[in-house]
Amino acid sequence: MLLERRRVALVEDDPIMGESLLQRLTLEGGTVKWWRDGTAAAREVPKFKPDIVICDIRLPQMTGEDLFRQMSDKTAAPFLFITGYGDVDQAVRLMRAGAGDYLTKPFPMDEFLGRLDGLLRPIESEASGVLGLSPGMRAIETLLLRLADRPAPVLVTGETGVGKEVCARFLHARSANAEEPFVAVNCAAIPDDLIESEIFGHERGAFSGAVDKHLGYAERAGGGTLFLDEIGEMPLKLQGKLLRLLENREIDRVGGAAPVPFRARVVTATNQALPRAVADGRFREDLLYRINVVSIEVPPLRDRPEDIPWLMQRFFDALTQDGTSLRGISSLAEEAAIVHAWPGNVRELRNRVERAVALADGDWIAPVDLFPEQPAPADTTSVVASLATARDAAERREIVRALGATSGQIGDAARLLSVSRTTLWEKMRRFGLGS
């Protein structure tokens, strides 16, 4: 239906007009709330968080124009004004001020619904947990889905091994240009004397050894995505050329006479603090502004424990798809993984699961298979002393699983665990799980 999953704020003092619109908008699938005066609407509409506001211009206590101007810094929802013939000049003034559209009374319902449809923004896809179950990774997934078909440059930051390239590949895969190439370049892995030629390409004879024309990574990306990893390691002399590439959308091959059009989207990544690199004179400030149109920080694995069992199972499934005698990952191994600090983040987790799959002695992956460097308990006294720790680890693991299964909703997770919301909240605080 036209308004399915939409929230509509209706501000209309005429009871007949208001009732008619309320019924029709509800039939179209909308969640509609009706206000009969501007003062109440100004107070309550922002809390309602509407997708669109339908507003009469002549209202008791406050005009529709005053309401629009008062709410302009509280909601981004478009306004569709309903006017009488005498209010057209005012409606035009409101359009110039940023209102969405207006209709003069009386109007055909089909025309009204058509104008409404034209103002509604497309519903954004919701996070499905492809990148992780934690609230942080779900928020990143939602943001990447919003950016998928918008060409703005994206800068992905975070510690080594958190999954910055995974995020860039997800962004590319969800875009309209997913069939075009995804070209990844590690700026730290290419020697300084070759990086210009590798990224921008060169013409035959451009320098000694250039026996043929070479298409650089930027050109090979076509209309897809050029992913520049470790952008903070790019030589300073080459940063100016990258800036020109982004601003002019043209590739200057080494030794080339004419520029080549550049069509790809640029996504960059770094584990450095680029503002500090700018202050140290190692990175151009103007380039930072250009690549940092949208910035996404991927949290370290230690800050998203909900993702650890999920990632472990994904890695286990991928590593054993050709067959294995292992039955799975033990709950004790999961508990040990959840309390580990993971300095190497997701990359370390994958490596440890891969080692465990290759060398595990039993039917289930045990803590010792993941962390062979950790000493076993020296005697039974230490085992007994660790029972409280083991109990806490088990509770923490179950809470993490429940939060992951309910997308972080504390009330739903409490019901799943058969405890009160207050009890769950206190345990989350004790285990450092935040809100």
Protein backbone atom coordinates (compact mmCIF):
# COMPACT_ATOMS: atom_id res chain seq x y z
CA MET A 1 0.00 0.00 0.00
CA LEU A 2 1.00 3.61 -0.58
CA LEU A 3 1.74 4.48 3.06
CA GLU A 4 2.70 1.09 4.44
CA ARG A 5 5.26 1.49 7.27
CA ARG A 6 4.86 5.31 7.09
CA ARG A 7 4.05 7.73 9.90
CA VAL A 8 1.84 10.63 8.86
CA ALA A 9 1.24 13.77 10.93
CA LEU A 10 -2.03 15.45 9.99
CA VAL A 11 -2.61 19.03 11.21
CA GLU A 12 -6.12 20.16 10.25
CA ASP A 13 -8.76 22.01 12.29
CA ASP A 14 -11.71 21.25 10.01
CA PRO A 15 -13.36 18.14 11.56
CA ILE A 16 -14.89 16.94 8.28
CA MET A 17 -11.70 17.38 6.22
CA GLY A 18 -9.58 15.94 9.04
CA GLU A 19 -11.76 12.86 9.50
CA SER A 20 -11.87 12.22 5.75
CA LEU A 21 -8.09 12.44 5.37
CA LEU A 22 -7.51 10.36 8.50
CA GLN A 23 -9.68 7.52 7.17
CA ARG A 24 -8.17 7.55 3.68
CA LEU A 25 -4.57 7.75 4.87
CA THR A 26 -5.20 4.89 7.29
CA LEU A 27 -6.74 2.82 4.47
CA GLU A 28 -3.57 3.47 2.46
CA GLY A 29 -1.59 1.76 5.23
CA GLY A 30 -0.28 4.78 7.13
CA THR A 31 0.10 5.26 10.87
CA VAL A 32 -1.72 8.57 11.18
CA LYS A 33 -1.96 10.99 14.09
CA TRP A 34 -4.26 13.99 13.86
CA TRP A 35 -3.78 17.39 15.54
CA ARG A 36 -6.45 20.10 15.41
CA ASP A 37 -4.35 23.14 16.38
CA GLY A 38 -0.83 24.35 15.67
CA THR A 39 0.31 24.76 19.27
CA ALA A 40 -0.29 21.11 20.16
CA ALA A 41 1.25 20.01 16.87
CA ALA A 42 4.39 22.08 17.48
CA ARG A 43 4.80 20.40 20.86
CA GLU A 44 4.00 16.81 19.89
CA VAL A 45 4.79 16.22 16.19
CA PRO A 46 8.61 16.00 16.64
CA LYS A 47 8.09 13.23 19.23
CA PHE A 48 5.91 11.35 16.74
CA LYS A 49 8.82 11.35 14.22
CA PRO A 50 6.66 11.50 11.09
CA ASP A 51 7.72 10.62 7.56
CA ILE A 52 5.55 13.45 6.25
CA VAL A 53 3.45 16.31 7.65
CA ILE A 54 0.13 17.30 6.04
CA CYS A 55 -0.79 20.74 7.30
CA ASP A 56 -3.49 23.34 6.78
CA ILE A 57 -2.22 26.92 6.59
CA ARG A 58 -5.05 28.48 8.59
CA LEU A 59 -5.03 26.95 12.07
CA PRO A 60 -6.19 28.04 15.54
CA GLN A 61 -3.55 29.56 17.83
CA MET A 62 -0.74 29.21 15.29
CA THR A 63 -0.62 29.40 11.48
CA GLY A 64 0.72 26.57 9.36
CA GLU A 65 3.58 28.86 8.31
CA ASP A 66 4.55 29.54 11.92
CA LEU A 67 4.37 25.82 12.65
CA PHE A 68 6.62 25.01 9.68
CA ARG A 69 9.23 27.59 10.65
CA GLN A 70 9.17 26.51 14.29
CA MET A 71 9.61 22.85 13.38
CA SER A 72 12.21 23.31 10.64
CA ASP A 73 15.05 22.49 13.05
CA LYS A 74 13.19 19.62 14.76
CA THR A 75 12.16 17.38 11.87
CA ALA A 76 13.34 16.70 8.34
CA ALA A 77 9.91 15.40 7.29
CA PRO A 78 8.54 17.16 4.18
CA PHE A 79 5.44 19.35 4.55
CA LEU A 80 2.44 19.11 2.21
CA PHE A 81 0.32 22.23 2.79
CA ILE A 82 -3.42 22.41 2.20
CA THR A 83 -4.51 25.91 1.25
CA GLY A 84 -7.52 27.97 0.32
CA TYR A 85 -7.37 30.11 -2.81
CA GLY A 86 -6.52 33.16 -0.74
CA ASP A 87 -3.44 31.45 0.71
CA VAL A 88 -1.63 30.63 -2.54
CA ASP A 89 0.91 33.47 -2.23
CA GLN A 90 1.70 32.29 1.28
CA ALA A 91 2.04 28.70 0.04
CA VAL A 92 4.49 29.78 -2.65
CA ARG A 93 6.52 31.62 -0.02
CA LEU A 94 6.60 28.43 2.05
CA MET A 95 7.81 26.43 -0.95
CA ARG A 96 10.70 28.87 -1.34
CA ALA A 97 11.48 28.39 2.36
CA GLY A 98 11.77 24.63 1.89
CA ALA A 99 8.26 23.20 2.16
CA GLY A 100 7.58 20.16 -0.01
CA ASP A 101 4.40 21.02 -1.90
CA TYR A 102 0.91 22.52 -1.58
CA LEU A 103 -2.62 21.80 -2.78
CA THR A 104 -5.55 24.22 -3.03
CA LYS A 105 -8.95 23.16 -1.71
CA PRO A 106 -11.00 21.39 -2.92
CA PHE A 107 -8.75 18.76 -4.49
CA PRO A 108 -9.31 15.29 -6.03
CA MET A 109 -8.14 12.52 -3.70
CA ASP A 110 -6.08 10.90 -6.48
CA GLU A 111 -4.14 14.12 -6.97
CA PHE A 112 -3.61 14.42 -3.21
CA LEU A 113 -2.26 10.86 -2.98
CA GLY A 114 -0.03 11.46 -6.02
CA ARG A 115 1.52 14.57 -4.45
CA LEU A 116 1.97 12.66 -1.21
CA ASP A 117 3.72 9.80 -2.99
CA GLY A 118 6.04 12.24 -4.73
CA LEU A 119 7.20 13.70 -1.42
CA LEU A 120 7.78 10.46 0.46
CA ARG A 121 11.37 9.31 0.54
CA PRO A 122 12.02 5.66 -0.39
CA ILE A 123 11.96 3.31 2.58
CA GLU A 124 15.52 2.41 3.48
CA SER A 125 16.47 -1.22 3.81
CA GLU A 126 16.81 -2.46 7.36
CA ALA A 127 19.91 -4.14 8.72
CA SER A 128 19.69 -7.92 8.53
CA GLY A 129 22.80 -8.74 10.56
CA VAL A 130 25.00 -9.52 7.55
CA LEU A 131 27.95 -7.67 9.11
CA GLY A 132 27.28 -8.71 12.69
CA LEU A 133 24.63 -9.04 15.39
CA SER A 134 25.88 -6.25 17.66
CA PRO A 135 24.07 -2.89 17.68
CA GLY A 136 27.23 -1.19 16.41
CA MET A 137 27.56 -3.39 13.34
CA ARG A 138 23.83 -3.25 12.63
CA ALA A 139 24.05 0.55 12.69
CA ILE A 140 26.96 0.41 10.23
CA GLU A 141 25.02 -1.94 7.97
CA THR A 142 22.04 0.44 7.97
CA LEU A 143 24.28 3.39 7.11
CA LEU A 144 25.99 1.48 4.30
CA LEU A 145 22.60 0.55 2.84
CA ARG A 146 21.67 4.24 2.83
CA LEU A 147 24.91 5.08 1.03
CA ALA A 148 24.80 2.22 -1.48
CA ASP A 149 23.45 4.23 -4.39
CA ARG A 150 24.84 7.60 -3.38
CA PRO A 151 28.23 8.38 -4.96
CA ALA A 152 29.77 10.25 -2.02
CA PRO A 153 33.29 9.13 -1.02
CA VAL A 154 33.39 7.04 2.16
CA LEU A 155 36.22 6.80 4.70
CA VAL A 156 36.23 3.64 6.83
CA THR A 157 38.32 3.81 10.00
CA GLY A 158 39.15 1.33 12.73
CA GLU A 159 41.88 -0.84 14.16
CA THR A 160 43.73 -3.38 12.04
CA GLY A 161 41.65 -6.48 11.42
CA VAL A 162 38.20 -5.13 12.34
CA GLY A 163 36.75 -5.71 8.88
CA LYS A 164 37.09 -2.40 7.02
CA GLU A 165 37.40 -4.09 3.62
CA VAL A 166 34.42 -6.30 4.44
CA CYS A 167 32.37 -3.13 4.93
CA ALA A 168 33.65 -1.68 1.65
CA ARG A 169 32.77 -4.87 -0.24
CA PHE A 170 29.30 -4.89 1.35
CA LEU A 171 28.75 -1.30 0.22
CA HIS A 172 29.79 -2.21 -3.32
CA ALA A 173 27.66 -5.38 -3.40
CA ARG A 174 24.53 -3.45 -2.38
CA SER A 175 25.01 -0.70 -4.98
CA ALA A 176 23.46 -0.49 -8.42
CA ASN A 177 26.98 -0.99 -9.82
CA ALA A 178 27.57 -4.31 -8.06
CA GLU A 179 28.32 -6.02 -11.39
CA GLU A 180 31.17 -3.58 -12.04
CA PRO A 181 34.64 -4.33 -10.60
CA PHE A 182 35.64 -3.93 -6.97
CA VAL A 183 39.34 -3.05 -7.06
CA ALA A 184 41.22 -3.13 -3.74
CA VAL A 185 44.59 -1.42 -3.37
CA ASN A 186 46.80 -1.63 -0.28
CA CYS A 187 48.70 1.65 -0.38
CA ALA A 188 51.20 0.37 2.20
CA ALA A 189 52.13 -2.70 0.13
CA ILE A 190 53.25 -0.94 -3.08
CA PRO A 191 56.76 0.58 -3.27
CA ASP A 192 56.78 4.36 -3.47
CA ASP A 193 58.41 4.35 -6.92
CA LEU A 194 55.64 2.15 -8.36
CA ILE A 195 52.48 3.34 -6.64
CA GLU A 196 51.71 6.18 -9.08
CA SER A 197 51.93 3.87 -12.07
CA GLU A 198 49.96 1.12 -10.30
CA ILE A 199 47.06 3.40 -9.35
CA PHE A 200 46.95 5.77 -12.33
CA GLY A 201 48.57 3.65 -15.07
CA HIS A 202 51.17 4.71 -17.61
CA GLU A 203 51.65 5.06 -21.34
CA ARG A 204 54.19 3.13 -23.35
CA GLY A 205 57.62 4.71 -23.05
CA ALA A 206 56.63 6.88 -20.09
CA PHE A 207 59.74 5.73 -18.22
CA SER A 208 62.49 3.16 -18.52
CA GLY A 209 60.91 -0.29 -18.65
CA ALA A 210 57.45 0.91 -19.72
CA VAL A 211 57.35 -1.21 -22.86
CA ASP A 212 53.53 -1.31 -23.02
CA LYS A 213 50.58 0.81 -21.97
CA HIS A 214 49.44 -0.13 -18.45
CA LEU A 215 45.95 0.49 -17.07
CA GLY A 216 46.08 1.47 -13.42
CA TYR A 217 43.77 0.35 -10.65
CA ALA A 218 41.65 3.52 -10.98
CA GLU A 219 40.93 2.81 -14.62
CA ARG A 220 40.36 -0.91 -14.08
CA ALA A 221 37.68 -0.11 -11.50
CA GLY A 222 35.46 1.09 -14.34
CA GLY A 223 32.11 2.15 -12.95
CA GLY A 224 32.54 0.10 -9.78
CA THR A 225 34.49 0.81 -6.59
CA LEU A 226 38.12 1.77 -6.07
CA PHE A 227 39.04 0.78 -2.51
CA LEU A 228 42.22 2.42 -1.23
CA ASP A 229 43.25 0.66 1.97
CA GLU A 230 45.84 2.18 4.32
CA ILE A 231 45.31 5.56 2.67
CA GLY A 232 47.43 7.17 5.39
CA GLU A 233 50.48 5.44 3.92
CA MET A 234 50.10 7.07 0.49
CA PRO A 235 53.19 9.20 -0.30
CA LEU A 236 52.58 12.90 0.17
CA LYS A 237 53.64 13.72 -3.40
CA LEU A 238 50.94 11.42 -4.76
CA GLN A 239 48.14 12.74 -2.56
CA GLY A 240 47.76 15.82 -4.75
CA LYS A 241 47.19 13.65 -7.81
CA LEU A 242 44.56 11.64 -5.94
CA LEU A 243 42.86 14.90 -4.96
CA ARG A 244 42.70 15.93 -8.63
CA LEU A 245 41.27 12.51 -9.49
CA LEU A 246 38.46 13.01 -6.99
CA GLU A 247 37.72 16.61 -7.89
CA ASN A 248 38.02 16.44 -11.70
CA ARG A 249 36.93 12.81 -12.13
CA GLU A 250 39.82 12.33 -14.55
CA ILE A 251 42.77 9.92 -14.58
CA ASP A 252 46.16 11.26 -15.62
CA ARG A 253 48.25 8.31 -16.74
CA VAL A 254 52.00 8.67 -16.26
CA GLY A 255 53.28 9.99 -19.57
CA GLY A 256 49.78 10.49 -20.93
CA ALA A 257 48.83 13.40 -23.17
CA ALA A 258 45.12 13.51 -22.34
CA PRO A 259 43.18 12.58 -19.22
CA VAL A 260 40.88 9.55 -19.11
CA PRO A 261 37.40 9.79 -17.52
CA PHE A 262 37.17 8.28 -14.04
CA ARG A 263 33.81 6.67 -13.23
CA ALA A 264 34.33 4.65 -10.05
CA ARG A 265 33.30 5.41 -6.51
CA VAL A 266 36.22 5.85 -4.08
CA VAL A 267 36.18 4.20 -0.67
CA THR A 268 39.22 4.66 1.55
CA ALA A 269 40.27 3.01 4.80
CA THR A 270 42.85 3.59 7.49
CA ASN A 271 43.81 2.53 11.00
CA GLN A 272 45.57 5.86 11.54
CA ALA A 273 44.26 9.08 13.05
CA LEU A 274 44.35 11.15 9.86
CA PRO A 275 43.82 14.53 11.62
CA ARG A 276 47.02 13.82 13.57
CA ALA A 277 48.78 12.92 10.30
CA VAL A 278 47.61 16.27 8.91
CA ALA A 279 49.01 18.07 11.95
CA ASP A 280 52.31 16.21 11.49
CA GLY A 281 52.49 17.22 7.83
CA ARG A 282 52.15 13.62 6.58
CA PHE A 283 48.69 13.97 5.03
CA ARG A 284 47.07 16.74 3.03
CA GLU A 285 44.22 18.48 4.81
CA ASP A 286 42.33 19.18 1.57
CA LEU A 287 42.50 15.50 0.63
CA LEU A 288 41.18 14.52 4.07
CA TYR A 289 38.15 16.76 3.55
CA ARG A 290 37.58 15.22 0.12
CA ILE A 291 37.71 11.56 1.16
CA ASN A 292 35.92 12.14 4.47
CA VAL A 293 32.52 13.12 3.09
CA VAL A 294 31.04 10.20 5.04
CA SER A 295 33.08 8.58 7.82
CA ILE A 296 32.35 5.16 9.31
CA GLU A 297 34.26 3.86 12.33
CA VAL A 298 34.21 0.08 12.73
CA PRO A 299 34.41 -0.81 16.46
CA PRO A 300 37.03 -3.28 17.68
CA LEU A 301 35.90 -6.85 18.34
CA ARG A 302 36.36 -6.49 22.11
CA ASP A 303 33.61 -3.83 22.09
CA ARG A 304 31.07 -6.05 20.30
CA PRO A 305 31.06 -9.40 22.12
CA GLU A 306 27.69 -10.29 20.58
CA ASP A 307 29.51 -10.84 17.29
CA ILE A 308 32.11 -13.29 18.60
CA PRO A 309 30.09 -16.55 18.70
CA TRP A 310 28.39 -15.56 15.45
CA LEU A 311 31.71 -14.98 13.69
CA MET A 312 33.20 -18.16 15.12
CA GLN A 313 30.35 -20.21 13.68
CA ARG A 314 30.63 -18.53 10.30
CA PHE A 315 34.35 -19.21 10.13
CA PHE A 316 33.85 -22.79 11.31
CA ASP A 317 31.20 -23.41 8.63
CA ALA A 318 33.40 -21.92 5.89
CA LEU A 319 36.48 -23.88 6.96
CA THR A 320 34.66 -27.21 7.21
CA GLN A 321 32.45 -27.05 4.12
CA ASP A 322 34.54 -29.79 2.45
CA GLY A 323 33.90 -32.12 5.36
CA THR A 324 35.27 -32.62 8.88
CA SER A 325 35.01 -35.01 11.79
CA LEU A 326 34.47 -32.08 14.15
CA ARG A 327 30.97 -31.63 15.50
CA GLY A 328 31.31 -27.93 16.29
CA ILE A 329 32.54 -25.33 18.77
CA SER A 330 32.06 -26.08 22.46
CA SER A 331 30.30 -23.64 24.76
CA LEU A 332 33.47 -23.44 26.86
CA ALA A 333 35.43 -22.34 23.78
CA GLU A 334 32.82 -19.65 23.13
CA GLU A 335 33.07 -18.45 26.72
CA ALA A 336 36.86 -18.25 26.48
CA ALA A 337 36.57 -16.33 23.22
CA ILE A 338 34.11 -13.81 24.63
CA VAL A 339 36.46 -12.83 27.50
CA HIS A 340 39.56 -12.68 25.27
CA ALA A 341 40.84 -9.17 24.45
CA TRP A 342 41.29 -9.84 20.69
CA PRO A 343 44.13 -7.41 19.94
CA GLY A 344 44.11 -8.67 16.35
CA ASN A 345 40.32 -8.30 16.07
CA VAL A 346 38.37 -10.35 13.52
CA ARG A 347 41.51 -11.37 11.65
CA GLU A 348 42.92 -12.93 14.83
CA LEU A 349 39.61 -14.70 15.49
CA ARG A 350 39.60 -16.26 12.05
CA ASN A 351 43.19 -17.39 12.37
CA ARG A 352 42.53 -19.01 15.74
CA VAL A 353 39.42 -20.83 14.46
CA GLU A 354 41.37 -22.01 11.41
CA ARG A 355 44.15 -23.38 13.62
CA ALA A 356 41.62 -25.07 15.90
CA VAL A 357 39.85 -26.75 12.97
CA ALA A 358 43.17 -28.09 11.72
CA LEU A 359 44.58 -29.32 15.04
CA ALA A 360 41.68 -30.08 17.42
CA ASP A 361 41.96 -33.55 18.98
CA GLY A 362 38.37 -34.06 20.12
CA ASP A 363 34.94 -33.90 18.50
CA TRP A 364 34.40 -30.32 19.66
CA ILE A 365 36.70 -27.32 19.50
CA ALA A 366 37.84 -26.66 23.08
CA PRO A 367 39.37 -23.56 24.69
CA VAL A 368 42.84 -25.10 24.46
CA ASP A 369 42.42 -25.44 20.68
CA LEU A 370 41.75 -21.70 20.40
CA PHE A 371 44.28 -20.54 22.99
CA PRO A 372 47.09 -23.12 23.24
CA GLU A 373 49.39 -20.49 24.73
CA GLN A 374 47.27 -20.20 27.86
CA PRO A 375 48.38 -22.57 30.68
CA ALA A 376 45.97 -25.15 32.04
CA PRO A 377 44.90 -24.84 35.71
CA ALA A 378 47.78 -26.02 37.92
CA ASP A 379 45.68 -27.86 40.51
CA THR A 380 42.14 -28.61 41.65
CA THR A 381 42.16 -25.63 44.00
CA SER A 382 42.42 -23.23 41.08
CA VAL A 383 39.67 -25.12 39.28
CA VAL A 384 37.35 -24.72 42.27
CA ALA A 385 38.33 -21.08 42.63
CA SER A 386 37.39 -20.49 39.00
CA LEU A 387 33.81 -21.78 39.33
CA ALA A 388 32.45 -18.30 40.02
CA THR A 389 34.32 -16.99 37.02
CA ALA A 390 32.96 -19.81 34.87
CA ARG A 391 29.42 -19.10 36.06
CA ASP A 392 29.78 -15.42 35.25
CA ALA A 393 31.20 -16.26 31.82
CA ALA A 394 28.26 -18.58 31.13
CA GLU A 395 25.75 -15.92 32.20
CA ARG A 396 27.50 -13.31 30.11
CA ARG A 397 27.48 -15.60 27.09
CA GLU A 398 23.74 -16.26 27.37
CA ILE A 399 22.99 -12.55 27.80
CA VAL A 400 25.09 -11.75 24.72
CA ARG A 401 23.21 -14.41 22.73
CA ALA A 402 19.83 -13.10 23.87
CA LEU A 403 20.76 -9.51 22.98
CA GLY A 404 21.97 -10.66 19.58
CA ALA A 405 18.75 -12.61 18.96
CA THR A 406 16.61 -9.59 19.87
CA SER A 407 18.70 -6.93 18.08
CA GLY A 408 19.72 -5.41 21.42
CA GLN A 409 16.15 -4.93 22.75
CA ILE A 410 16.53 -5.29 26.53
CA GLY A 411 12.88 -6.01 27.21
CA ASP A 412 12.71 -8.79 24.61
CA ALA A 413 16.01 -10.24 25.79
CA ALA A 414 14.76 -10.26 29.41
CA ARG A 415 11.66 -12.21 28.39
CA LEU A 416 13.83 -14.64 26.42
CA LEU A 417 16.00 -15.22 29.50
CA SER A 418 13.00 -15.38 31.88
CA VAL A 419 14.32 -12.58 34.11
CA SER A 420 13.05 -9.10 34.87
CA ARG A 421 14.24 -6.14 32.86
CA THR A 422 15.85 -4.70 36.02
CA THR A 423 17.75 -7.94 36.70
CA LEU A 424 19.02 -8.07 33.14
CA TRP A 425 20.04 -4.41 33.25
CA GLU A 426 22.04 -4.95 36.46
CA LYS A 427 23.80 -8.02 35.03
CA MET A 428 24.64 -6.14 31.84
CA ARG A 429 26.21 -3.36 33.89
CA ARG A 430 28.20 -5.89 35.95
CA PHE A 431 29.48 -7.66 32.84
CA GLY A 432 30.30 -4.40 31.05
CA LEU A 433 27.75 -4.89 28.28
CA GLY A 434 26.45 -1.33 28.41
CA SER A 435 22.91 -0.51 27.33
